[in-house]
Amino acid sequence: MAAEQKKKFKNTLKSWIDGDVLARFLACHAGMIALVAGLVIVYVGNRYAFQQEQVHIQQLRARLNDVKYEALARSSELMEKSRESNIQKYIVEQGSELKTSTKPPVMIKR
């Protein structure tokens, strides 16, 4: 029986060409090959998900910058409109009888 096993597992050039050695290797290590293939699939999927997240983050950063610039523009526009000289000009244009106070403000004490 030992002679049959030696003959069966003999690594000759013919067994390499026929693919017997490769078939035995795959049969012995099928579990490990399946594990490695599964890990490769998980790795590729994880990398794809990471790239998608990076694209999403870049889009959000660009949107944030746009919103910041828009807020800054509106803030400066509001500051311009709320200046005392512009308010007085607006009141005069509207024909209101409001006038600027000539008396200084008074503090009321309790």
PDB file of N, CA and C in Angstrom:
ATOM      1  N   MET A   1       0.820  -1.184   0.000  1.00  0.00           N
ATOM      2  CA  MET A   1       0.000   0.000   0.000  1.00  0.00           C
ATOM      3  C   MET A   1       0.870   1.256   0.000  1.00  0.00           C
ATOM      4  N   ALA A   2       1.960   1.237   0.694  1.00  0.00           N
ATOM      5  CA  ALA A   2       2.858   2.382   0.718  1.00  0.00           C
ATOM      6  C   ALA A   2       3.445   2.618  -0.660  1.00  0.00           C
ATOM      7  N   ALA A   3       3.682   1.539  -1.381  1.00  0.00           N
ATOM      8  CA  ALA A   3       4.228   1.666  -2.727  1.00  0.00           C
ATOM      9  C   ALA A   3       3.211   2.332  -3.647  1.00  0.00           C
ATOM     10  N   GLU A   4       1.919   2.018  -3.441  1.00  0.00           N
ATOM     11  CA  GLU A   4       0.874   2.641  -4.260  1.00  0.00           C
ATOM     12  C   GLU A   4       0.775   4.143  -3.986  1.00  0.00           C
ATOM     13  N   GLN A   5       0.896   4.530  -2.709  1.00  0.00           N
ATOM     14  CA  GLN A   5       0.822   5.945  -2.357  1.00  0.00           C
ATOM     15  C   GLN A   5       2.014   6.706  -2.935  1.00  0.00           C
ATOM     16  N   LYS A   6       3.217   6.085  -2.880  1.00  0.00           N
ATOM     17  CA  LYS A   6       4.377   6.740  -3.456  1.00  0.00           C
ATOM     18  C   LYS A   6       4.196   6.922  -4.953  1.00  0.00           C
ATOM     19  N   LYS A   7       3.654   5.919  -5.590  1.00  0.00           N
ATOM     20  CA  LYS A   7       3.436   5.999  -7.027  1.00  0.00           C
ATOM     21  C   LYS A   7       2.354   7.033  -7.328  1.00  0.00           C
ATOM     22  N   LYS A   8       1.335   7.103  -6.475  1.00  0.00           N
ATOM     23  CA  LYS A   8       0.219   8.010  -6.685  1.00  0.00           C
ATOM     24  C   LYS A   8       0.667   9.463  -6.516  1.00  0.00           C
ATOM     25  N   PHE A   9       1.519   9.747  -5.551  1.00  0.00           N
ATOM     26  CA  PHE A   9       1.921  11.111  -5.249  1.00  0.00           C
ATOM     27  C   PHE A   9       3.289  11.472  -5.828  1.00  0.00           C
ATOM     28  N   LYS A  10       3.747  10.710  -6.743  1.00  0.00           N
ATOM     29  CA  LYS A  10       5.056  10.947  -7.312  1.00  0.00           C
ATOM     30  C   LYS A  10       5.001  12.197  -8.187  1.00  0.00           C
ATOM     31  N   ASN A  11       5.915  13.134  -7.924  1.00  0.00           N
ATOM     32  CA  ASN A  11       5.977  14.380  -8.690  1.00  0.00           C
ATOM     33  C   ASN A  11       6.896  14.175  -9.894  1.00  0.00           C
ATOM     34  N   THR A  12       6.295  13.842 -10.975  1.00  0.00           N
ATOM     35  CA  THR A  12       7.066  13.692 -12.209  1.00  0.00           C
ATOM     36  C   THR A  12       6.660  14.801 -13.156  1.00  0.00           C
ATOM     37  N   LEU A  13       7.421  14.927 -14.208  1.00  0.00           N
ATOM     38  CA  LEU A  13       7.124  15.944 -15.207  1.00  0.00           C
ATOM     39  C   LEU A  13       5.759  15.690 -15.823  1.00  0.00           C
ATOM     40  N   LYS A  14       5.428  14.430 -16.020  1.00  0.00           N
ATOM     41  CA  LYS A  14       4.129  14.090 -16.603  1.00  0.00           C
ATOM     42  C   LYS A  14       2.987  14.496 -15.672  1.00  0.00           C
ATOM     43  N   SER A  15       3.152  14.306 -14.360  1.00  0.00           N
ATOM     44  CA  SER A  15       2.089  14.684 -13.422  1.00  0.00           C
ATOM     45  C   SER A  15       1.935  16.203 -13.372  1.00  0.00           C
ATOM     46  N   TRP A  16       3.019  16.939 -13.531  1.00  0.00           N
ATOM     47  CA  TRP A  16       2.934  18.409 -13.578  1.00  0.00           C
ATOM     48  C   TRP A  16       2.198  18.856 -14.839  1.00  0.00           C
ATOM     49  N   ILE A  17       2.526  18.252 -15.962  1.00  0.00           N
ATOM     50  CA  ILE A  17       1.898  18.615 -17.240  1.00  0.00           C
ATOM     51  C   ILE A  17       0.419  18.218 -17.244  1.00  0.00           C
ATOM     52  N   ASP A  18       0.113  17.075 -16.727  1.00  0.00           N
ATOM     53  CA  ASP A  18      -1.277  16.626 -16.678  1.00  0.00           C
ATOM     54  C   ASP A  18      -2.118  17.437 -15.693  1.00  0.00           C
ATOM     55  N   GLY A  19      -1.493  18.095 -14.752  1.00  0.00           N
ATOM     56  CA  GLY A  19      -2.221  18.902 -13.783  1.00  0.00           C
ATOM     57  C   GLY A  19      -2.568  18.155 -12.519  1.00  0.00           C
ATOM     58  N   ASP A  20      -1.993  16.985 -12.340  1.00  0.00           N
ATOM     59  CA  ASP A  20      -2.282  16.209 -11.133  1.00  0.00           C
ATOM     60  C   ASP A  20      -1.780  16.927  -9.883  1.00  0.00           C
ATOM     61  N   VAL A  21      -0.624  17.547  -9.959  1.00  0.00           N
ATOM     62  CA  VAL A  21      -0.042  18.229  -8.808  1.00  0.00           C
ATOM     63  C   VAL A  21      -0.917  19.415  -8.436  1.00  0.00           C
ATOM     64  N   LEU A  22      -1.346  20.157  -9.427  1.00  0.00           N
ATOM     65  CA  LEU A  22      -2.205  21.310  -9.175  1.00  0.00           C
ATOM     66  C   LEU A  22      -3.549  20.877  -8.590  1.00  0.00           C
ATOM     67  N   ALA A  23      -4.101  19.801  -9.109  1.00  0.00           N
ATOM     68  CA  ALA A  23      -5.384  19.304  -8.598  1.00  0.00           C
ATOM     69  C   ALA A  23      -5.249  18.876  -7.131  1.00  0.00           C
ATOM     70  N   ARG A  24      -4.138  18.197  -6.808  1.00  0.00           N
ATOM     71  CA  ARG A  24      -3.926  17.793  -5.413  1.00  0.00           C
ATOM     72  C   ARG A  24      -3.757  19.019  -4.516  1.00  0.00           C
ATOM     73  N   PHE A  25      -3.001  20.020  -5.004  1.00  0.00           N
ATOM     74  CA  PHE A  25      -2.789  21.242  -4.225  1.00  0.00           C
ATOM     75  C   PHE A  25      -4.115  21.949  -3.962  1.00  0.00           C
ATOM     76  N   LEU A  26      -4.931  22.072  -5.002  1.00  0.00           N
ATOM     77  CA  LEU A  26      -6.229  22.739  -4.843  1.00  0.00           C
ATOM     78  C   LEU A  26      -7.145  21.950  -3.921  1.00  0.00           C
ATOM     79  N   ALA A  27      -7.098  20.658  -4.002  1.00  0.00           N
ATOM     80  CA  ALA A  27      -7.941  19.834  -3.132  1.00  0.00           C
ATOM     81  C   ALA A  27      -7.512  19.959  -1.674  1.00  0.00           C
ATOM     82  N   CYS A  28      -6.218  20.021  -1.431  1.00  0.00           N
ATOM     83  CA  CYS A  28      -5.729  20.125  -0.050  1.00  0.00           C
ATOM     84  C   CYS A  28      -5.982  21.506   0.543  1.00  0.00           C
ATOM     85  N   HIS A  29      -5.895  22.537  -0.269  1.00  0.00           N
ATOM     86  CA  HIS A  29      -5.965  23.901   0.238  1.00  0.00           C
ATOM     87  C   HIS A  29      -7.220  24.644  -0.229  1.00  0.00           C
ATOM     88  N   ALA A  30      -8.285  23.923  -0.500  1.00  0.00           N
ATOM     89  CA  ALA A  30      -9.510  24.557  -1.000  1.00  0.00           C
ATOM     90  C   ALA A  30     -10.094  25.533   0.017  1.00  0.00           C
ATOM     91  N   GLY A  31     -10.068  25.179   1.273  1.00  0.00           N
ATOM     92  CA  GLY A  31     -10.602  26.065   2.311  1.00  0.00           C
ATOM     93  C   GLY A  31      -9.811  27.367   2.406  1.00  0.00           C
ATOM     94  N   MET A  32      -8.507  27.262   2.371  1.00  0.00           N
ATOM     95  CA  MET A  32      -7.661  28.457   2.451  1.00  0.00           C
ATOM     96  C   MET A  32      -7.847  29.334   1.213  1.00  0.00           C
ATOM     97  N   ILE A  33      -7.962  28.729   0.052  1.00  0.00           N
ATOM     98  CA  ILE A  33      -8.171  29.493  -1.183  1.00  0.00           C
ATOM     99  C   ILE A  33      -9.517  30.211  -1.140  1.00  0.00           C
ATOM    100  N   ALA A  34     -10.539  29.533  -0.638  1.00  0.00           N
ATOM    101  CA  ALA A  34     -11.858  30.169  -0.509  1.00  0.00           C
ATOM    102  C   ALA A  34     -11.807  31.325   0.483  1.00  0.00           C
ATOM    103  N   LEU A  35     -11.086  31.160   1.584  1.00  0.00           N
ATOM    104  CA  LEU A  35     -10.947  32.224   2.573  1.00  0.00           C
ATOM    105  C   LEU A  35     -10.243  33.434   1.977  1.00  0.00           C
ATOM    106  N   VAL A  36      -9.162  33.211   1.267  1.00  0.00           N
ATOM    107  CA  VAL A  36      -8.416  34.311   0.649  1.00  0.00           C
ATOM    108  C   VAL A  36      -9.289  35.016  -0.399  1.00  0.00           C
ATOM    109  N   ALA A  37     -10.014  34.251  -1.197  1.00  0.00           N
ATOM    110  CA  ALA A  37     -10.889  34.856  -2.201  1.00  0.00           C
ATOM    111  C   ALA A  37     -11.980  35.697  -1.528  1.00  0.00           C
ATOM    112  N   GLY A  38     -12.538  35.185  -0.449  1.00  0.00           N
ATOM    113  CA  GLY A  38     -13.549  35.948   0.286  1.00  0.00           C
ATOM    114  C   GLY A  38     -12.987  37.230   0.872  1.00  0.00           C
ATOM    115  N   LEU A  39     -11.785  37.168   1.425  1.00  0.00           N
ATOM    116  CA  LEU A  39     -11.151  38.362   1.979  1.00  0.00           C
ATOM    117  C   LEU A  39     -10.837  39.388   0.892  1.00  0.00           C
ATOM    118  N   VAL A  40     -10.437  38.909  -0.275  1.00  0.00           N
ATOM    119  CA  VAL A  40     -10.178  39.827  -1.391  1.00  0.00           C
ATOM    120  C   VAL A  40     -11.459  40.542  -1.799  1.00  0.00           C
ATOM    121  N   ILE A  41     -12.558  39.814  -1.853  1.00  0.00           N
ATOM    122  CA  ILE A  41     -13.843  40.422  -2.214  1.00  0.00           C
ATOM    123  C   ILE A  41     -14.258  41.455  -1.179  1.00  0.00           C
ATOM    124  N   VAL A  42     -14.089  41.138   0.103  1.00  0.00           N
ATOM    125  CA  VAL A  42     -14.416  42.089   1.167  1.00  0.00           C
ATOM    126  C   VAL A  42     -13.518  43.317   1.080  1.00  0.00           C
ATOM    127  N   TYR A  43     -12.242  43.119   0.808  1.00  0.00           N
ATOM    128  CA  TYR A  43     -11.294  44.230   0.699  1.00  0.00           C
ATOM    129  C   TYR A  43     -11.665  45.161  -0.451  1.00  0.00           C
ATOM    130  N   VAL A  44     -11.981  44.604  -1.586  1.00  0.00           N
ATOM    131  CA  VAL A  44     -12.353  45.423  -2.747  1.00  0.00           C
ATOM    132  C   VAL A  44     -13.653  46.169  -2.480  1.00  0.00           C
ATOM    133  N   GLY A  45     -14.615  45.498  -1.875  1.00  0.00           N
ATOM    134  CA  GLY A  45     -15.874  46.159  -1.536  1.00  0.00           C
ATOM    135  C   GLY A  45     -15.683  47.280  -0.534  1.00  0.00           C
ATOM    136  N   ASN A  46     -14.828  47.064   0.446  1.00  0.00           N
ATOM    137  CA  ASN A  46     -14.553  48.084   1.450  1.00  0.00           C
ATOM    138  C   ASN A  46     -13.863  49.293   0.815  1.00  0.00           C
ATOM    139  N   ARG A  47     -12.945  49.049  -0.088  1.00  0.00           N
ATOM    140  CA  ARG A  47     -12.254  50.149  -0.768  1.00  0.00           C
ATOM    141  C   ARG A  47     -13.230  50.943  -1.624  1.00  0.00           C
ATOM    142  N   TYR A  48     -14.133  50.269  -2.305  1.00  0.00           N
ATOM    143  CA  TYR A  48     -15.131  50.953  -3.123  1.00  0.00           C
ATOM    144  C   TYR A  48     -16.030  51.826  -2.247  1.00  0.00           C
ATOM    145  N   ALA A  49     -16.451  51.300  -1.115  1.00  0.00           N
ATOM    146  CA  ALA A  49     -17.297  52.075  -0.198  1.00  0.00           C
ATOM    147  C   ALA A  49     -16.538  53.285   0.337  1.00  0.00           C
ATOM    148  N   PHE A  50     -15.261  53.119   0.630  1.00  0.00           N
ATOM    149  CA  PHE A  50     -14.439  54.226   1.106  1.00  0.00           C
ATOM    150  C   PHE A  50     -14.326  55.312   0.045  1.00  0.00           C
ATOM    151  N   GLN A  51     -14.118  54.931  -1.189  1.00  0.00           N
ATOM    152  CA  GLN A  51     -14.027  55.917  -2.270  1.00  0.00           C
ATOM    153  C   GLN A  51     -15.341  56.657  -2.448  1.00  0.00           C
ATOM    154  N   GLN A  52     -16.447  55.960  -2.322  1.00  0.00           N
ATOM    155  CA  GLN A  52     -17.752  56.616  -2.433  1.00  0.00           C
ATOM    156  C   GLN A  52     -17.933  57.629  -1.306  1.00  0.00           C
ATOM    157  N   GLU A  53     -17.512  57.278  -0.097  1.00  0.00           N
ATOM    158  CA  GLU A  53     -17.599  58.201   1.034  1.00  0.00           C
ATOM    159  C   GLU A  53     -16.724  59.432   0.797  1.00  0.00           C
ATOM    160  N   GLN A  54     -15.534  59.233   0.242  1.00  0.00           N
ATOM    161  CA  GLN A  54     -14.649  60.356  -0.040  1.00  0.00           C
ATOM    162  C   GLN A  54     -15.267  61.308  -1.058  1.00  0.00           C
ATOM    163  N   VAL A  55     -15.897  60.768  -2.090  1.00  0.00           N
ATOM    164  CA  VAL A  55     -16.565  61.607  -3.089  1.00  0.00           C
ATOM    165  C   VAL A  55     -17.694  62.391  -2.433  1.00  0.00           C
ATOM    166  N   HIS A  56     -18.452  61.735  -1.574  1.00  0.00           N
ATOM    167  CA  HIS A  56     -19.555  62.400  -0.879  1.00  0.00           C
ATOM    168  C   HIS A  56     -19.032  63.521   0.033  1.00  0.00           C
ATOM    169  N   ILE A  57     -17.941  63.265   0.732  1.00  0.00           N
ATOM    170  CA  ILE A  57     -17.343  64.273   1.613  1.00  0.00           C
ATOM    171  C   ILE A  57     -16.863  65.471   0.805  1.00  0.00           C
ATOM    172  N   GLN A  58     -16.254  65.233  -0.343  1.00  0.00           N
ATOM    173  CA  GLN A  58     -15.801  66.335  -1.191  1.00  0.00           C
ATOM    174  C   GLN A  58     -16.982  67.171  -1.686  1.00  0.00           C
ATOM    175  N   GLN A  59     -18.073  66.521  -2.048  1.00  0.00           N
ATOM    176  CA  GLN A  59     -19.263  67.255  -2.481  1.00  0.00           C
ATOM    177  C   GLN A  59     -19.817  68.106  -1.347  1.00  0.00           C
ATOM    178  N   LEU A  60     -19.852  67.547  -0.144  1.00  0.00           N
ATOM    179  CA  LEU A  60     -20.351  68.301   1.003  1.00  0.00           C
ATOM    180  C   LEU A  60     -19.446  69.479   1.344  1.00  0.00           C
ATOM    181  N   ARG A  61     -18.131  69.302   1.211  1.00  0.00           N
ATOM    182  CA  ARG A  61     -17.217  70.413   1.466  1.00  0.00           C
ATOM    183  C   ARG A  61     -17.411  71.536   0.455  1.00  0.00           C
ATOM    184  N   ALA A  62     -17.604  71.173  -0.807  1.00  0.00           N
ATOM    185  CA  ALA A  62     -17.836  72.195  -1.826  1.00  0.00           C
ATOM    186  C   ALA A  62     -19.141  72.935  -1.540  1.00  0.00           C
ATOM    187  N   ARG A  63     -20.167  72.204  -1.142  1.00  0.00           N
ATOM    188  CA  ARG A  63     -21.453  72.832  -0.821  1.00  0.00           C
ATOM    189  C   ARG A  63     -21.315  73.744   0.402  1.00  0.00           C
ATOM    190  N   LEU A  64     -20.544  73.303   1.394  1.00  0.00           N
ATOM    191  CA  LEU A  64     -20.319  74.108   2.589  1.00  0.00           C
ATOM    192  C   LEU A  64     -19.628  75.422   2.240  1.00  0.00           C
ATOM    193  N   ASN A  65     -18.628  75.365   1.368  1.00  0.00           N
ATOM    194  CA  ASN A  65     -17.953  76.590   0.949  1.00  0.00           C
ATOM    195  C   ASN A  65     -18.920  77.536   0.235  1.00  0.00           C
ATOM    196  N   ASP A  66     -19.778  76.988  -0.624  1.00  0.00           N
ATOM    197  CA  ASP A  66     -20.760  77.830  -1.318  1.00  0.00           C
ATOM    198  C   ASP A  66     -21.695  78.506  -0.325  1.00  0.00           C
ATOM    199  N   VAL A  67     -22.155  77.755   0.655  1.00  0.00           N
ATOM    200  CA  VAL A  67     -23.073  78.309   1.653  1.00  0.00           C
ATOM    201  C   VAL A  67     -22.362  79.363   2.505  1.00  0.00           C
ATOM    202  N   LYS A  68     -21.094  79.133   2.848  1.00  0.00           N
ATOM    203  CA  LYS A  68     -20.339  80.116   3.631  1.00  0.00           C
ATOM    204  C   LYS A  68     -20.205  81.429   2.859  1.00  0.00           C
ATOM    205  N   TYR A  69     -19.862  81.347   1.581  1.00  0.00           N
ATOM    206  CA  TYR A  69     -19.702  82.563   0.782  1.00  0.00           C
ATOM    207  C   TYR A  69     -21.034  83.291   0.610  1.00  0.00           C
ATOM    208  N   GLU A  70     -22.099  82.530   0.453  1.00  0.00           N
ATOM    209  CA  GLU A  70     -23.423  83.144   0.332  1.00  0.00           C
ATOM    210  C   GLU A  70     -23.805  83.841   1.636  1.00  0.00           C
ATOM    211  N   ALA A  71     -23.534  83.213   2.770  1.00  0.00           N
ATOM    212  CA  ALA A  71     -23.837  83.829   4.067  1.00  0.00           C
ATOM    213  C   ALA A  71     -23.004  85.086   4.276  1.00  0.00           C
ATOM    214  N   LEU A  72     -21.756  85.043   3.873  1.00  0.00           N
ATOM    215  CA  LEU A  72     -20.896  86.213   3.999  1.00  0.00           C
ATOM    216  C   LEU A  72     -21.406  87.363   3.136  1.00  0.00           C
ATOM    217  N   ALA A  73     -21.840  87.041   1.920  1.00  0.00           N
ATOM    218  CA  ALA A  73     -22.367  88.081   1.029  1.00  0.00           C
ATOM    219  C   ALA A  73     -23.643  88.694   1.611  1.00  0.00           C
ATOM    220  N   ARG A  74     -24.528  87.871   2.133  1.00  0.00           N
ATOM    221  CA  ARG A  74     -25.765  88.395   2.723  1.00  0.00           C
ATOM    222  C   ARG A  74     -25.491  89.208   3.979  1.00  0.00           C
ATOM    223  N   SER A  75     -24.531  88.783   4.753  1.00  0.00           N
ATOM    224  CA  SER A  75     -24.172  89.513   5.968  1.00  0.00           C
ATOM    225  C   SER A  75     -23.623  90.899   5.619  1.00  0.00           C
ATOM    226  N   SER A  76     -22.769  90.966   4.624  1.00  0.00           N
ATOM    227  CA  SER A  76     -22.221  92.269   4.244  1.00  0.00           C
ATOM    228  C   SER A  76     -23.307  93.153   3.626  1.00  0.00           C
ATOM    229  N   GLU A  77     -24.226  92.551   2.900  1.00  0.00           N
ATOM    230  CA  GLU A  77     -25.352  93.317   2.337  1.00  0.00           C
ATOM    231  C   GLU A  77     -26.224  93.877   3.450  1.00  0.00           C
ATOM    232  N   LEU A  78     -26.492  93.088   4.467  1.00  0.00           N
ATOM    233  CA  LEU A  78     -27.285  93.542   5.604  1.00  0.00           C
ATOM    234  C   LEU A  78     -26.565  94.652   6.370  1.00  0.00           C
ATOM    235  N   MET A  79     -25.251  94.504   6.542  1.00  0.00           N
ATOM    236  CA  MET A  79     -24.478  95.553   7.220  1.00  0.00           C
ATOM    237  C   MET A  79     -24.560  96.860   6.434  1.00  0.00           C
ATOM    238  N   GLU A  80     -24.498  96.768   5.124  1.00  0.00           N
ATOM    239  CA  GLU A  80     -24.578  97.965   4.288  1.00  0.00           C
ATOM    240  C   GLU A  80     -25.944  98.636   4.423  1.00  0.00           C
ATOM    241  N   LYS A  81     -26.998  97.834   4.425  1.00  0.00           N
ATOM    242  CA  LYS A  81     -28.351  98.390   4.516  1.00  0.00           C
ATOM    243  C   LYS A  81     -28.654  98.944   5.908  1.00  0.00           C
ATOM    244  N   SER A  82     -28.003  98.429   6.934  1.00  0.00           N
ATOM    245  CA  SER A  82     -28.322  98.859   8.291  1.00  0.00           C
ATOM    246  C   SER A  82     -27.442 100.014   8.777  1.00  0.00           C
ATOM    247  N   ARG A  83     -26.603 100.557   7.943  1.00  0.00           N
ATOM    248  CA  ARG A  83     -25.824 101.739   8.338  1.00  0.00           C
ATOM    249  C   ARG A  83     -26.760 102.923   8.541  1.00  0.00           C
ATOM    250  N   GLU A  84     -26.381 103.777   9.480  1.00  0.00           N
ATOM    251  CA  GLU A  84     -27.244 104.900   9.831  1.00  0.00           C
ATOM    252  C   GLU A  84     -27.484 105.822   8.637  1.00  0.00           C
ATOM    253  N   SER A  85     -26.466 106.082   7.856  1.00  0.00           N
ATOM    254  CA  SER A  85     -26.636 106.985   6.708  1.00  0.00           C
ATOM    255  C   SER A  85     -27.591 106.390   5.680  1.00  0.00           C
ATOM    256  N   ASN A  86     -27.531 105.105   5.455  1.00  0.00           N
ATOM    257  CA  ASN A  86     -28.442 104.469   4.491  1.00  0.00           C
ATOM    258  C   ASN A  86     -29.870 104.441   5.025  1.00  0.00           C
ATOM    259  N   ILE A  87     -30.022 104.261   6.333  1.00  0.00           N
ATOM    260  CA  ILE A  87     -31.367 104.268   6.918  1.00  0.00           C
ATOM    261  C   ILE A  87     -31.973 105.661   6.808  1.00  0.00           C
ATOM    262  N   GLN A  88     -31.169 106.677   7.080  1.00  0.00           N
ATOM    263  CA  GLN A  88     -31.679 108.052   6.951  1.00  0.00           C
ATOM    264  C   GLN A  88     -32.075 108.352   5.510  1.00  0.00           C
ATOM    265  N   LYS A  89     -31.267 107.898   4.572  1.00  0.00           N
ATOM    266  CA  LYS A  89     -31.583 108.113   3.162  1.00  0.00           C
ATOM    267  C   LYS A  89     -32.886 107.414   2.791  1.00  0.00           C
ATOM    268  N   TYR A  90     -33.081 106.204   3.277  1.00  0.00           N
ATOM    269  CA  TYR A  90     -34.301 105.444   2.994  1.00  0.00           C
ATOM    270  C   TYR A  90     -35.524 106.143   3.579  1.00  0.00           C
ATOM    271  N   ILE A  91     -35.386 106.660   4.795  1.00  0.00           N
ATOM    272  CA  ILE A  91     -36.505 107.357   5.442  1.00  0.00           C
ATOM    273  C   ILE A  91     -36.881 108.595   4.649  1.00  0.00           C
ATOM    274  N   VAL A  92     -35.893 109.334   4.184  1.00  0.00           N
ATOM    275  CA  VAL A  92     -36.164 110.540   3.390  1.00  0.00           C
ATOM    276  C   VAL A  92     -36.837 110.153   2.067  1.00  0.00           C
ATOM    277  N   GLU A  93     -36.388 109.097   1.442  1.00  0.00           N
ATOM    278  CA  GLU A  93     -36.978 108.644   0.170  1.00  0.00           C
ATOM    279  C   GLU A  93     -38.437 108.231   0.355  1.00  0.00           C
ATOM    280  N   GLN A  94     -38.774 107.655   1.489  1.00  0.00           N
ATOM    281  CA  GLN A  94     -40.134 107.192   1.740  1.00  0.00           C
ATOM    282  C   GLN A  94     -41.055 108.345   2.136  1.00  0.00           C
ATOM    283  N   GLY A  95     -40.490 109.490   2.432  1.00  0.00           N
ATOM    284  CA  GLY A  95     -41.303 110.649   2.783  1.00  0.00           C
ATOM    285  C   GLY A  95     -41.815 110.605   4.207  1.00  0.00           C
ATOM    286  N   SER A  96     -41.136 109.880   5.074  1.00  0.00           N
ATOM    287  CA  SER A  96     -41.545 109.803   6.470  1.00  0.00           C
ATOM    288  C   SER A  96     -41.117 111.066   7.210  1.00  0.00           C
ATOM    289  N   GLU A  97     -41.830 111.384   8.292  1.00  0.00           N
ATOM    290  CA  GLU A  97     -41.518 112.565   9.078  1.00  0.00           C
ATOM    291  C   GLU A  97     -40.547 112.258  10.218  1.00  0.00           C
ATOM    292  N   LEU A  98     -39.998 111.053  10.276  1.00  0.00           N
ATOM    293  CA  LEU A  98     -39.034 110.690  11.308  1.00  0.00           C
ATOM    294  C   LEU A  98     -37.757 111.492  11.121  1.00  0.00           C
ATOM    295  N   LYS A  99     -37.177 111.896  12.242  1.00  0.00           N
ATOM    296  CA  LYS A  99     -35.917 112.632  12.199  1.00  0.00           C
ATOM    297  C   LYS A  99     -34.976 112.054  13.235  1.00  0.00           C
ATOM    298  N   THR A 100     -33.714 112.312  13.045  1.00  0.00           N
ATOM    299  CA  THR A 100     -32.705 111.834  13.982  1.00  0.00           C
ATOM    300  C   THR A 100     -32.802 112.640  15.267  1.00  0.00           C
ATOM    301  N   SER A 101     -32.708 111.948  16.369  1.00  0.00           N
ATOM    302  CA  SER A 101     -32.797 112.602  17.671  1.00  0.00           C
ATOM    303  C   SER A 101     -31.567 113.485  17.908  1.00  0.00           C
ATOM    304  N   THR A 102     -31.816 114.633  18.481  1.00  0.00           N
ATOM    305  CA  THR A 102     -30.709 115.531  18.804  1.00  0.00           C
ATOM    306  C   THR A 102     -30.316 115.402  20.264  1.00  0.00           C
ATOM    307  N   LYS A 103     -31.153 114.764  21.073  1.00  0.00           N
ATOM    308  CA  LYS A 103     -30.870 114.570  22.494  1.00  0.00           C
ATOM    309  C   LYS A 103     -30.122 113.253  22.688  1.00  0.00           C
ATOM    310  N   PRO A 104     -29.143 113.234  23.594  1.00  0.00           N
ATOM    311  CA  PRO A 104     -28.444 111.985  23.865  1.00  0.00           C
ATOM    312  C   PRO A 104     -29.350 111.016  24.626  1.00  0.00           C
ATOM    313  N   PRO A 105     -29.091 109.735  24.540  1.00  0.00           N
ATOM    314  CA  PRO A 105     -29.907 108.763  25.271  1.00  0.00           C
ATOM    315  C   PRO A 105     -29.752 108.942  26.779  1.00  0.00           C
ATOM    316  N   VAL A 106     -30.824 108.633  27.529  1.00  0.00           N
ATOM    317  CA  VAL A 106     -30.834 108.796  28.980  1.00  0.00           C
ATOM    318  C   VAL A 106     -30.962 107.419  29.612  1.00  0.00           C
ATOM    319  N   MET A 107     -30.173 107.169  30.651  1.00  0.00           N
ATOM    320  CA  MET A 107     -30.268 105.909  31.377  1.00  0.00           C
ATOM    321  C   MET A 107     -31.331 106.048  32.463  1.00  0.00           C
ATOM    322  N   ILE A 108     -32.199 105.097  32.544  1.00  0.00           N
ATOM    323  CA  ILE A 108     -33.245 105.077  33.557  1.00  0.00           C
ATOM    324  C   ILE A 108     -32.772 104.189  34.703  1.00  0.00           C
ATOM    325  N   LYS A 109     -32.739 104.757  35.892  1.00  0.00           N
ATOM    326  CA  LYS A 109     -32.288 103.998  37.063  1.00  0.00           C
ATOM    327  C   LYS A 109     -33.492 103.556  37.860  1.00  0.00           C
ATOM    328  N   ARG A 110     -33.424 102.435  38.467  1.00  0.00           N
ATOM    329  CA  ARG A 110     -34.524 101.914  39.272  1.00  0.00           C
ATOM    330  C   ARG A 110     -34.338 102.267  40.697  1.00  0.00           C
TER     331      ARG A 110
END
